[in-house]
Protein backbone atom coordinates (compact mmCIF):
# COMPACT_ATOMS: atom_id res chain seq x y z
CA MET A 1 -14.04 65.26 30.20
CA ASN A 2 -11.41 62.96 31.48
CA PHE A 3 -10.52 62.87 35.12
CA THR A 4 -7.09 61.92 34.92
CA ARG A 5 -6.08 64.41 32.14
CA ASP A 6 -8.03 67.17 33.57
CA ILE A 7 -7.04 66.77 37.48
CA VAL A 8 -3.77 64.77 37.45
CA ASP A 9 -2.20 65.75 34.38
CA ALA A 10 -2.96 69.17 34.79
CA ALA A 11 -1.71 69.51 38.38
CA PRO A 12 1.87 71.08 38.96
CA ALA A 13 3.97 68.04 38.15
CA GLY A 14 6.29 68.33 41.55
CA ALA A 15 3.32 68.74 43.89
CA VAL A 16 2.80 65.93 46.29
CA ALA A 17 -0.52 64.08 45.48
CA LEU A 18 -0.09 60.98 47.51
CA ILE A 19 1.28 59.47 50.48
CA THR A 20 1.46 55.48 50.93
CA ILE A 21 2.44 53.58 53.77
CA GLY A 22 2.92 49.86 53.19
CA ARG A 23 2.32 46.94 55.32
CA ASP A 24 5.93 46.79 56.29
CA GLY A 25 5.83 50.55 57.20
CA ALA A 26 7.56 51.73 54.11
CA ARG A 27 6.54 55.42 53.26
CA ARG A 28 6.68 57.16 50.11
CA GLU A 29 5.45 60.33 48.61
CA TRP A 30 4.11 60.50 45.16
CA THR A 31 3.94 63.74 42.96
CA PHE A 32 1.18 64.27 40.52
CA GLY A 33 3.79 63.93 37.79
CA GLU A 34 4.64 60.48 38.91
CA LEU A 35 1.12 59.50 39.02
CA SER A 36 0.33 60.86 35.52
CA GLY A 37 3.24 59.13 34.19
CA GLY A 38 2.63 55.82 35.88
CA ALA A 39 -1.14 55.93 34.98
CA ALA A 40 -0.35 56.59 31.34
CA ARG A 41 1.99 53.34 31.14
CA VAL A 42 -0.41 51.28 33.12
CA ALA A 43 -2.77 52.26 30.50
CA GLY A 44 -0.62 51.45 27.80
CA THR A 45 -0.05 48.01 29.43
CA LEU A 46 -3.78 47.30 29.60
CA GLN A 47 -4.11 48.29 25.82
CA ALA A 48 -1.35 46.00 24.88
CA ARG A 49 -3.02 43.08 26.71
CA GLY A 50 -6.31 43.77 24.69
CA VAL A 51 -8.07 46.17 26.68
CA ARG A 52 -10.16 48.66 24.94
CA ARG A 53 -12.39 51.79 25.65
CA GLY A 54 -15.54 50.51 27.51
CA ASP A 55 -14.01 47.23 28.70
CA VAL A 56 -13.99 46.39 32.60
CA VAL A 57 -10.85 46.04 34.33
CA MET A 58 -11.07 44.42 37.69
CA THR A 59 -8.89 45.51 40.72
CA LEU A 60 -8.09 43.06 43.67
CA VAL A 61 -5.46 45.23 45.43
CA GLY A 62 -5.16 46.57 48.79
CA ASN A 63 -4.50 50.20 49.64
CA ARG A 64 -1.45 50.65 47.66
CA VAL A 65 -0.27 52.85 44.79
CA GLU A 66 -1.13 50.28 42.13
CA TRP A 67 -4.79 50.33 42.93
CA VAL A 68 -4.66 54.12 42.36
CA LEU A 69 -2.49 54.03 39.33
CA THR A 70 -4.96 51.36 37.74
CA LEU A 71 -8.08 53.33 38.38
CA LEU A 72 -6.32 56.47 37.04
CA ALA A 73 -5.36 54.39 33.85
CA CYS A 74 -8.88 53.38 33.34
CA PHE A 75 -10.31 56.84 33.60
CA ARG A 76 -7.50 57.99 31.16
CA MET A 77 -8.41 55.41 28.37
CA GLY A 78 -11.95 55.18 28.87
CA ALA A 79 -11.99 51.74 30.40
CA VAL A 80 -14.55 50.80 33.12
CA ALA A 81 -12.88 50.13 36.63
CA LEU A 82 -14.28 47.35 39.08
CA PRO A 83 -12.57 47.85 42.18
CA CYS A 84 -12.97 44.79 44.60
CA THR A 85 -12.13 44.41 48.30
CA GLU A 86 -9.52 41.73 49.26
CA GLN A 87 -12.24 40.49 51.70
CA LEU A 88 -13.96 38.80 48.79
CA ARG A 89 -13.78 35.19 48.65
CA ALA A 90 -13.93 32.84 45.57
CA LYS A 91 -17.86 32.75 45.54
CA ASP A 92 -18.03 36.56 45.60
CA LEU A 93 -15.23 36.80 43.01
CA ALA A 94 -16.91 34.32 40.63
CA HIS A 95 -20.24 36.19 40.67
CA ARG A 96 -18.56 39.52 39.92
CA LEU A 97 -16.52 37.71 37.04
CA ARG A 98 -19.83 36.32 35.54
CA VAL A 99 -21.72 39.57 35.77
CA ALA A 100 -19.05 42.12 34.85
CA ARG A 101 -16.92 39.92 32.53
CA PRO A 102 -13.64 41.98 33.05
CA ALA A 103 -11.35 42.09 30.04
CA ALA A 104 -8.19 42.12 32.52
CA ILE A 105 -7.58 42.02 36.32
CA VAL A 106 -4.97 43.78 38.13
CA ALA A 107 -4.17 41.70 41.48
CA ASP A 108 -2.04 41.39 44.51
CA GLU A 109 -0.07 38.38 44.57
CA ARG A 110 -1.47 37.52 47.91
CA ASN A 111 -5.05 37.24 46.13
CA LEU A 112 -4.12 34.96 43.21
CA ALA A 113 -5.37 31.66 45.11
CA GLU A 114 -8.71 33.22 45.60
CA LEU A 115 -8.81 34.18 42.08
CA ALA A 116 -7.80 30.73 40.77
CA ALA A 117 -10.53 29.23 43.17
CA ALA A 118 -13.06 31.60 41.55
CA GLY A 119 -12.47 29.52 38.27
CA THR A 120 -10.58 32.48 36.43
CA PRO A 121 -10.01 30.78 33.06
CA ALA A 122 -6.32 30.57 32.40
CA GLY A 123 -5.08 32.83 29.74
CA ALA A 124 -8.63 33.93 28.92
CA VAL A 125 -8.61 36.93 31.27
CA PRO A 126 -5.10 38.41 31.50
CA VAL A 127 -3.93 39.08 35.35
CA LEU A 128 -1.54 41.53 35.83
CA LEU A 129 0.43 41.62 39.24
CA ALA A 130 0.31 44.73 41.26
CA GLY A 131 4.07 45.48 42.18
CA ASP A 132 5.33 43.65 38.88
CA ASP A 133 7.45 45.94 36.79
CA ALA A 134 5.60 44.69 33.83
CA LEU A 135 2.42 46.56 34.91
CA LEU A 136 4.43 49.86 34.23
CA ALA A 137 6.14 48.75 31.14
CA GLY A 138 3.67 49.62 28.70
CA PRO A 139 4.13 52.72 26.25
CA PRO A 140 2.36 55.90 27.64
CA ALA A 141 -1.21 55.88 26.35
CA PRO A 142 -2.84 59.16 25.55
CA ALA A 143 -6.14 60.50 27.37
CA VAL A 144 -9.22 60.33 25.47
CA ASP A 145 -12.20 62.67 25.36
CA LEU A 146 -15.15 61.23 27.25
CA ALA A 147 -18.86 62.32 27.60
CA PRO A 148 -20.53 62.72 30.94
CA ASP A 149 -22.52 59.54 30.44
CA ASP A 150 -19.85 57.50 29.22
CA PRO A 151 -19.31 54.64 31.73
CA ALA A 152 -16.48 54.75 34.41
CA LEU A 153 -16.85 52.51 37.35
CA VAL A 154 -18.80 49.52 38.55
CA ILE A 155 -19.39 49.01 42.21
CA PHE A 156 -21.23 46.12 43.52
CA THR A 157 -23.88 46.63 46.15
CA SER A 158 -23.75 44.55 49.37
CA GLY A 159 -26.80 42.22 48.22
CA THR A 160 -29.65 43.50 50.30
CA SER A 161 -31.78 40.71 48.58
CA GLY A 162 -30.15 38.00 46.74
CA GLU A 163 -26.80 38.42 45.07
CA PRO A 164 -25.10 41.72 45.06
CA LYS A 165 -25.76 43.98 41.93
CA ALA A 166 -23.39 45.77 39.72
CA ALA A 167 -23.85 49.58 39.78
CA LEU A 168 -22.61 51.31 36.58
CA HIS A 169 -21.58 54.95 37.46
CA ALA A 170 -20.74 57.35 34.81
CA GLN A 171 -17.81 59.68 34.30
CA ARG A 172 -19.73 62.58 35.74
CA TYR A 173 -19.76 60.50 38.96
CA LEU A 174 -16.03 61.53 39.10
CA ALA A 175 -16.58 65.16 38.45
CA GLY A 176 -19.69 64.96 40.61
CA GLN A 177 -17.68 64.45 43.85
CA ALA A 178 -16.79 68.13 43.89
CA LEU A 179 -20.31 68.73 45.72
CA GLN A 180 -19.50 66.50 48.67
CA ALA A 181 -15.82 67.20 48.76
CA GLU A 182 -16.80 70.94 49.19
CA HIS A 183 -19.73 70.73 51.58
CA TRP A 184 -19.16 67.62 53.45
CA LEU A 185 -15.76 66.24 53.20
CA ASP A 186 -14.53 69.83 53.28
CA ALA A 187 -11.04 69.23 52.01
CA ARG A 188 -9.07 72.29 51.54
CA PRO A 189 -6.14 73.04 49.24
CA GLY A 190 -2.79 71.81 50.83
CA GLU A 191 -4.42 69.64 53.44
CA LEU A 192 -3.90 66.10 53.93
CA VAL A 193 -7.10 63.82 53.69
CA TRP A 194 -7.01 60.09 54.87
CA CYS A 195 -9.97 57.99 53.89
CA THR A 196 -9.36 54.78 55.78
CA ALA A 197 -11.79 52.58 53.78
CA ALA A 198 -10.45 49.69 51.95
CA ALA A 199 -9.97 49.51 48.26
CA GLY A 200 -13.30 48.04 46.77
CA TRP A 201 -15.78 50.01 48.51
CA SER A 202 -17.87 52.96 47.16
CA LYS A 203 -16.51 55.33 49.76
CA SER A 204 -13.05 54.34 49.12
CA ALA A 205 -13.49 54.95 45.21
CA ARG A 206 -14.83 58.61 45.75
CA ASN A 207 -12.93 59.76 48.84
CA THR A 208 -9.61 58.20 48.93
CA PHE A 209 -8.02 60.38 46.30
CA ILE A 210 -10.87 61.78 43.90
CA ALA A 211 -12.55 64.10 46.26
CA PRO A 212 -9.27 65.29 47.96
CA TRP A 213 -7.68 66.19 44.55
CA LEU A 214 -10.70 67.83 43.25
CA ARG A 215 -10.01 70.37 46.13
CA GLY A 216 -6.42 70.59 45.90
CA ALA A 217 -5.64 68.52 48.78
CA ARG A 218 -3.32 65.43 49.20
CA ALA A 219 -4.25 61.89 50.08
CA LEU A 220 -2.78 59.36 52.48
CA LEU A 221 -3.18 55.66 51.76
CA HIS A 222 -2.51 52.95 54.30
CA ASP A 223 -2.25 49.38 53.44
CA ALA A 224 -2.84 47.51 56.71
CA ARG A 225 -5.54 46.06 59.01
CA PHE A 226 -7.71 48.41 61.43
CA ASP A 227 -5.44 49.03 64.68
CA PRO A 228 -7.00 51.70 66.94
CA ALA A 229 -3.68 52.88 68.54
CA GLU A 230 -1.85 52.86 65.10
CA ARG A 231 -4.64 55.00 63.59
CA LEU A 232 -4.05 57.57 66.27
CA ASP A 233 -0.29 57.43 65.82
CA LEU A 234 -0.46 57.99 62.14
CA ILE A 235 -2.78 60.91 62.39
CA GLU A 236 -0.44 62.73 64.45
CA ARG A 237 2.75 61.69 62.71
CA GLU A 238 1.41 62.51 59.45
CA GLY A 239 -0.49 65.61 60.43
CA VAL A 240 -3.76 64.75 58.98
CA ASP A 241 -6.13 67.31 58.44
CA VAL A 242 -9.36 65.59 57.35
CA LEU A 243 -10.13 62.16 58.45
CA CYS A 244 -13.07 60.07 56.94
CA MET A 245 -13.73 56.84 58.75
CA ALA A 246 -16.75 54.40 59.20
CA PRO A 247 -18.68 55.08 62.61
CA THR A 248 -17.35 51.59 64.02
CA GLU A 249 -13.84 52.80 63.74
CA TYR A 250 -14.60 55.93 65.62
CA ARG A 251 -16.51 53.90 68.13
CA VAL A 252 -13.70 51.23 68.62
CA ILE A 253 -11.07 53.80 68.90
CA ALA A 254 -13.15 55.72 71.61
CA ARG A 255 -13.54 52.68 73.62
CA ARG A 256 -10.05 50.88 73.19
CA ALA A 257 -7.47 53.46 72.36
CA SER A 258 -6.10 56.33 74.39
CA LEU A 259 -7.99 59.06 72.51
CA ARG A 260 -6.09 62.39 72.83
CA ARG A 261 -6.00 65.84 71.15
CA LEU A 262 -5.43 65.49 67.61
CA PRO A 263 -4.23 67.69 64.87
CA LEU A 264 -7.37 67.29 62.81
CA ARG A 265 -9.24 69.99 61.46
CA THR A 266 -12.50 68.17 60.79
CA ALA A 267 -13.86 64.65 60.68
CA VAL A 268 -16.51 62.94 58.98
CA ALA A 269 -18.29 59.57 58.88
CA ALA A 270 -20.60 57.62 56.97
CA GLY A 271 -21.91 53.91 56.26
CA GLU A 272 -23.93 53.45 59.51
CA ALA A 273 -25.76 55.68 62.14
CA LEU A 274 -23.16 57.35 64.25
CA ASP A 275 -24.29 57.42 68.01
CA ALA A 276 -24.13 61.02 69.68
CA GLN A 277 -22.25 59.47 72.66
CA VAL A 278 -19.21 58.74 70.28
CA VAL A 279 -19.44 62.22 68.90
CA GLY A 280 -19.22 63.79 72.16
CA THR A 281 -16.48 61.52 73.32
CA TRP A 282 -14.25 62.65 70.23
CA LEU A 283 -15.28 66.31 70.71
CA ASP A 284 -14.30 66.40 74.47
CA ASP A 285 -11.14 64.03 74.02
CA ALA A 286 -9.80 64.72 70.61
CA GLY A 287 -11.10 68.42 69.89
CA VAL A 288 -12.80 67.37 66.84
CA ALA A 289 -16.37 67.26 65.84
CA ILE A 290 -17.49 64.29 63.64
CA ARG A 291 -19.88 65.27 60.99
CA ASP A 292 -22.19 62.39 59.76
CA GLY A 293 -23.28 61.91 56.22
CA TYR A 294 -25.24 59.49 54.30
CA GLY A 295 -25.05 57.93 50.79
CA GLN A 296 -25.52 54.66 48.94
CA THR A 297 -23.54 52.73 46.19
CA GLU A 298 -26.24 53.88 43.57
CA THR A 299 -26.40 57.63 44.78
CA GLY A 300 -23.05 58.49 46.13
CA ALA A 301 -22.99 61.14 48.88
CA VAL A 302 -26.51 62.63 49.40
CA THR A 303 -26.49 64.05 52.96
CA GLY A 304 -24.12 65.52 55.38
CA MET A 305 -23.73 67.51 58.41
CA PRO A 306 -23.02 71.04 57.13
CA ARG A 307 -19.55 72.05 57.60
CA ASP A 308 -20.06 75.44 59.18
CA GLY A 309 -23.66 74.65 60.61
CA GLU A 310 -24.67 73.63 64.18
CA LEU A 311 -23.47 70.04 65.11
CA ARG A 312 -26.38 67.71 65.90
CA PRO A 313 -24.85 64.68 67.18
CA GLY A 314 -26.74 61.49 65.87
CA SER A 315 -28.23 63.14 62.87
CA MET A 316 -26.92 62.50 59.32
CA GLY A 317 -27.09 65.87 58.49
CA ARG A 318 -29.15 68.02 55.66
CA PRO A 319 -29.29 67.42 51.91
CA LEU A 320 -26.54 68.49 50.26
CA PRO A 321 -26.97 71.77 48.13
CA GLY A 322 -29.16 71.07 45.46
CA VAL A 323 -29.94 67.64 46.24
CA ARG A 324 -33.84 66.92 46.67
CA VAL A 325 -35.11 64.27 49.06
CA ASP A 326 -38.49 63.40 50.49
CA VAL A 327 -39.75 61.28 53.20
CA ARG A 328 -42.59 59.02 52.08
CA ASP A 329 -44.18 56.67 54.61
CA GLY A 330 -41.15 57.17 56.92
CA GLN A 331 -38.50 56.02 53.91
CA LEU A 332 -36.19 58.35 52.50
CA HIS A 333 -36.39 58.88 48.67
CA VAL A 334 -33.96 60.86 46.38
CA ASP A 335 -34.57 62.73 43.22
CA PRO A 336 -31.78 61.05 40.69
CA ALA A 337 -31.93 64.30 38.70
CA SER A 338 -30.66 66.35 41.56
CA VAL A 339 -27.73 64.03 42.46
CA PRO A 340 -24.78 64.59 40.06
CA THR A 341 -23.40 61.14 41.03
CA PHE A 342 -26.37 59.03 40.74
CA PHE A 343 -25.64 55.85 38.92
CA LEU A 344 -26.59 54.91 35.21
CA ARG A 345 -27.96 51.45 35.67
CA TYR A 346 -27.30 47.92 36.96
CA LEU A 347 -25.25 45.94 34.41
CA GLY A 348 -28.08 44.16 32.66
CA GLY A 349 -30.58 46.38 33.73
CA GLU A 350 -32.59 49.67 32.81
CA PRO A 351 -32.05 53.09 33.93
CA HIS A 352 -34.11 53.69 37.04
CA THR A 353 -36.93 56.45 36.47
CA GLY A 354 -38.72 58.37 38.99
CA TRP A 355 -37.66 58.97 42.75
CA TRP A 356 -35.16 56.60 44.04
CA PRO A 357 -36.40 54.64 47.26
CA THR A 358 -33.27 54.16 49.44
CA GLY A 359 -34.85 51.48 51.78
CA ASP A 360 -33.72 53.49 54.89
CA LEU A 361 -36.16 54.89 57.41
CA VAL A 362 -35.44 58.25 58.64
CA ASP A 363 -37.17 61.05 60.58
CA ARG A 364 -36.95 64.74 59.50
CA ASP A 365 -37.00 67.80 61.90
CA GLU A 366 -38.24 71.09 61.56
CA ASP A 367 -34.98 72.27 60.43
CA GLY A 368 -34.44 69.68 57.78
CA TYR A 369 -32.02 67.39 59.58
CA LEU A 370 -32.23 63.89 59.16
CA TRP A 371 -32.22 61.20 61.50
CA PHE A 372 -31.61 57.39 60.66
CA ARG A 373 -33.93 54.99 62.38
CA GLY A 374 -33.36 51.48 60.65
CA ARG A 375 -33.88 49.75 57.29
CA ALA A 376 -37.18 49.03 55.56
CA ASP A 377 -35.82 45.79 54.43
CA ASP A 378 -33.97 42.98 56.11
CA VAL A 379 -30.45 44.10 55.49
CA ILE A 380 -27.91 44.14 58.33
CA VAL A 381 -25.85 47.06 58.88
CA SER A 382 -22.58 46.04 60.68
CA ALA A 383 -19.61 48.13 61.22
CA GLY A 384 -20.68 49.96 58.01
CA TYR A 385 -20.91 46.98 55.99
CA ARG A 386 -24.31 46.24 54.49
CA ILE A 387 -25.03 42.54 54.60
CA GLY A 388 -27.85 40.75 53.02
CA PRO A 389 -29.21 37.72 55.13
CA THR A 390 -29.83 35.67 51.84
CA GLU A 391 -26.24 35.37 51.08
CA VAL A 392 -25.15 34.26 54.74
CA GLU A 393 -28.12 31.99 54.99
CA ALA A 394 -27.01 30.34 51.49
CA ALA A 395 -23.48 29.85 52.78
CA LEU A 396 -24.85 28.09 55.94
CA GLY A 397 -26.93 26.15 54.04
CA SER A 398 -24.34 24.51 52.15
CA HIS A 399 -22.82 23.11 55.33
CA PRO A 400 -23.74 19.34 55.83
CA ALA A 401 -25.03 19.73 59.22
CA VAL A 402 -27.43 22.59 58.41
CA ALA A 403 -31.06 21.74 57.55
CA GLU A 404 -32.20 25.40 57.25
CA ALA A 405 -31.17 28.69 58.60
CA ALA A 406 -32.25 32.43 59.19
CA VAL A 407 -30.07 35.25 59.61
CA VAL A 408 -31.01 38.74 61.38
CA GLY A 409 -29.17 41.55 63.07
CA ALA A 410 -28.49 41.69 66.74
CA PRO A 411 -27.66 44.88 68.51
CA ASP A 412 -23.80 45.46 69.39
CA PRO A 413 -22.30 48.28 71.18
CA GLU A 414 -19.32 48.73 68.92
CA ARG A 415 -20.55 47.44 65.53
CA GLY A 416 -24.14 48.79 65.78
CA GLU A 417 -25.30 45.19 64.61
CA VAL A 418 -23.64 41.69 64.32
CA VAL A 419 -25.04 38.96 62.31
CA ARG A 420 -27.15 36.63 64.33
CA ALA A 421 -27.88 33.04 62.69
CA ILE A 422 -30.67 30.56 63.93
CA VAL A 423 -29.77 27.33 62.68
CA VAL A 424 -32.03 23.99 62.31
CA LEU A 425 -29.67 21.09 62.16
CA ARG A 426 -30.07 17.77 60.27
CA ASP A 427 -30.60 14.36 61.91
CA GLY A 428 -27.43 13.10 63.41
CA HIS A 429 -25.93 16.43 64.26
CA VAL A 430 -25.50 17.85 67.79
CA ALA A 431 -25.46 21.57 68.66
CA GLY A 432 -22.19 22.69 70.62
CA ASP A 433 -19.48 25.29 70.79
CA GLY A 434 -17.45 23.12 68.37
CA LEU A 435 -20.26 23.07 65.63
CA VAL A 436 -20.76 27.03 66.17
CA ARG A 437 -16.93 27.53 65.39
CA GLU A 438 -17.08 25.17 62.54
CA LEU A 439 -20.08 26.90 61.05
CA GLN A 440 -18.49 30.54 61.36
CA GLU A 441 -15.26 29.27 59.55
CA HIS A 442 -17.48 27.80 56.92
CA VAL A 443 -19.17 30.96 56.32
CA LYS A 444 -15.86 32.82 56.16
CA ARG A 445 -14.68 30.40 53.54
CA GLU A 446 -18.02 30.48 51.35
CA THR A 447 -18.30 34.52 51.48
CA ALA A 448 -16.43 37.67 52.62
CA PRO A 449 -15.47 36.99 56.22
CA TYR A 450 -16.97 40.16 57.52
CA LYS A 451 -20.48 38.57 56.91
CA TYR A 452 -19.78 35.53 59.05
CA PRO A 453 -22.56 35.23 62.03
CA ARG A 454 -20.97 36.26 65.39
CA ILE A 455 -23.75 34.81 67.08
CA VAL A 456 -24.98 31.24 66.19
CA GLU A 457 -27.91 29.73 68.11
CA PHE A 458 -29.72 26.56 67.42
CA ALA A 459 -33.59 25.81 67.15
CA PRO A 460 -35.81 22.92 66.52
CA GLN A 461 -37.55 24.99 63.65
CA LEU A 462 -37.88 28.26 62.20
CA PRO A 463 -40.90 30.41 62.96
CA ARG A 464 -43.03 30.87 59.66
CA THR A 465 -46.02 32.50 58.03
CA ALA A 466 -49.00 30.69 56.78
CA SER A 467 -47.56 31.02 53.28
CA GLY A 468 -44.07 29.70 54.54
CA LYS A 469 -41.96 32.81 54.87
CA VAL A 470 -39.56 33.22 57.90
CA ARG A 471 -40.98 35.70 60.47
CA ARG A 472 -37.53 37.65 60.77
CA ALA A 473 -39.26 40.16 62.95
CA GLU A 474 -40.21 37.57 65.50
CA LEU A 475 -36.44 36.34 65.45
CA ARG A 476 -35.03 39.72 65.81
CA ARG A 477 -37.43 40.18 69.13
CA GLY A 478 -36.31 36.71 70.31
C-alpha cells in the first residue's frame, strides 16, 4: 500500500482536491495532479537532504498546502511524518526533538525562532522553509511499496501524566480512516469537507484531507485564528457540505455569532463532550444536526453518532461498525484488534497487549449509546485540548515566586473546563493581580499557550494525603 500513490496519484489529475485560504485571504484551488507532482518533488528534496525510508520528518507549519505536501511526500517515500502544532513552545519542541530524533524539519518562517530556542543543532538537522521554492526543487521521487505495519505517523499525546508520549501509527492507520470517513464523518463524492483542527493534532492528521479523499470529497484548509463570524461566512461562501469542529468552537459560535441557516448537509464534533443545549441551538438556528464522536491519539476514531440513526444530543454515539468496546468499572475499554487505526506502540516502548483502557468514564444505555462522564485520571479537557496538570505545575514551579503549585480543572460554560492553578508563594513574594498575569505569561512562554491557567489562586499550603500526595479532589471541590 501507499496512500499517496493509491489515492492522490490515482485520482483524476484535473479534479480539485484542496482549497486553501491563507492568512492574507488569498484563495487557491489545488488539483490532485498538482498535489501529486508537488509531493513527489518534496520527497525528492527530502531525499537529497539525506532523509531515508523510516526516518522521521517533523513539520511545524500552519494550515497551508506545504503541510499537506510534506505529509504526502513522507507517505510516498516511506518516511514517518511528525506533524506539530504551531502553538508548541521551545520546551515542547525540545522534547519532541529528543524523543523522535527527526532527520529533517519543514517549518514556517514564523516558527524558526522557537525552533532555535529549542536547541535545534545548526546544520545537524536540515530545516526546510515552507513557501521556499527550494522545498519543491527536488527531482520527483517514486512511490515505494509499503506494508500495513510499516510506520507512517508519529503523533504526541497531550501528556496526561508527565511528558507527552510519541504514539507511532502504521500505514494501515491511513487506509483505516475509511471506516470513520464513511460511518461518522459521512463525506460523500464531490462534497466539500472542512475540518478546522490546526495542523499537528491527531484529528487534523486524519480528517483534514485523508478521510475526505478516501471518500472522493474535496478538502478546505484555512490558515487563520478562530473567528466565529468568519467561520460562518466561509461556510456560506465556499458552500461547505461537511463540517468537523471541536465542541468548543460550536459552543462559542452559538453564543457569540449570529447563527443562521447554513448550506451544511452534516456536522460532526470530537475532542470533548458536546452538550445537548448546543446541539439543539445548531439544529434550530443553523438547520444541521451535530453528531458527536470519540477517539484518542492512540486509537483514532472509535465511536460516533450514526449518520442515519436517531440523534441523541449529549451522547458520543455508538461504536463504529466492527469496533468492540466494553465498560469496566465505569471506564471505557477498547479491543485493539477491532480498531483498524490502533497505534503500533509508543516510541521507545513495546506494543500494547490486551484491551486498551482509555481513562475515560462513560455510561452505556440500553441501546448501546455511550455518554461521557469524565476522566478517570487528573487530565483537564479544555476546548478539546487534553492538558496534563503535571506539565503546567512544572512550568509554574520554574517561576522564582512559586514554592509549589497544583493544577486542576474548573467548569467553564464555553470551554467545558479551564485550567485552575493553586499556588503557594515563596517568602518575600506578595499575591496580587500583577503576579497572576506574570505567572500566566510565564506559563505561556514555558509551554504551549493553550495550557496556561486562566484561574490563578494563592494559598498558604496545599492539601496533602498522609503520604504527601496532593488531594486534587479536594482542590476541585474548593
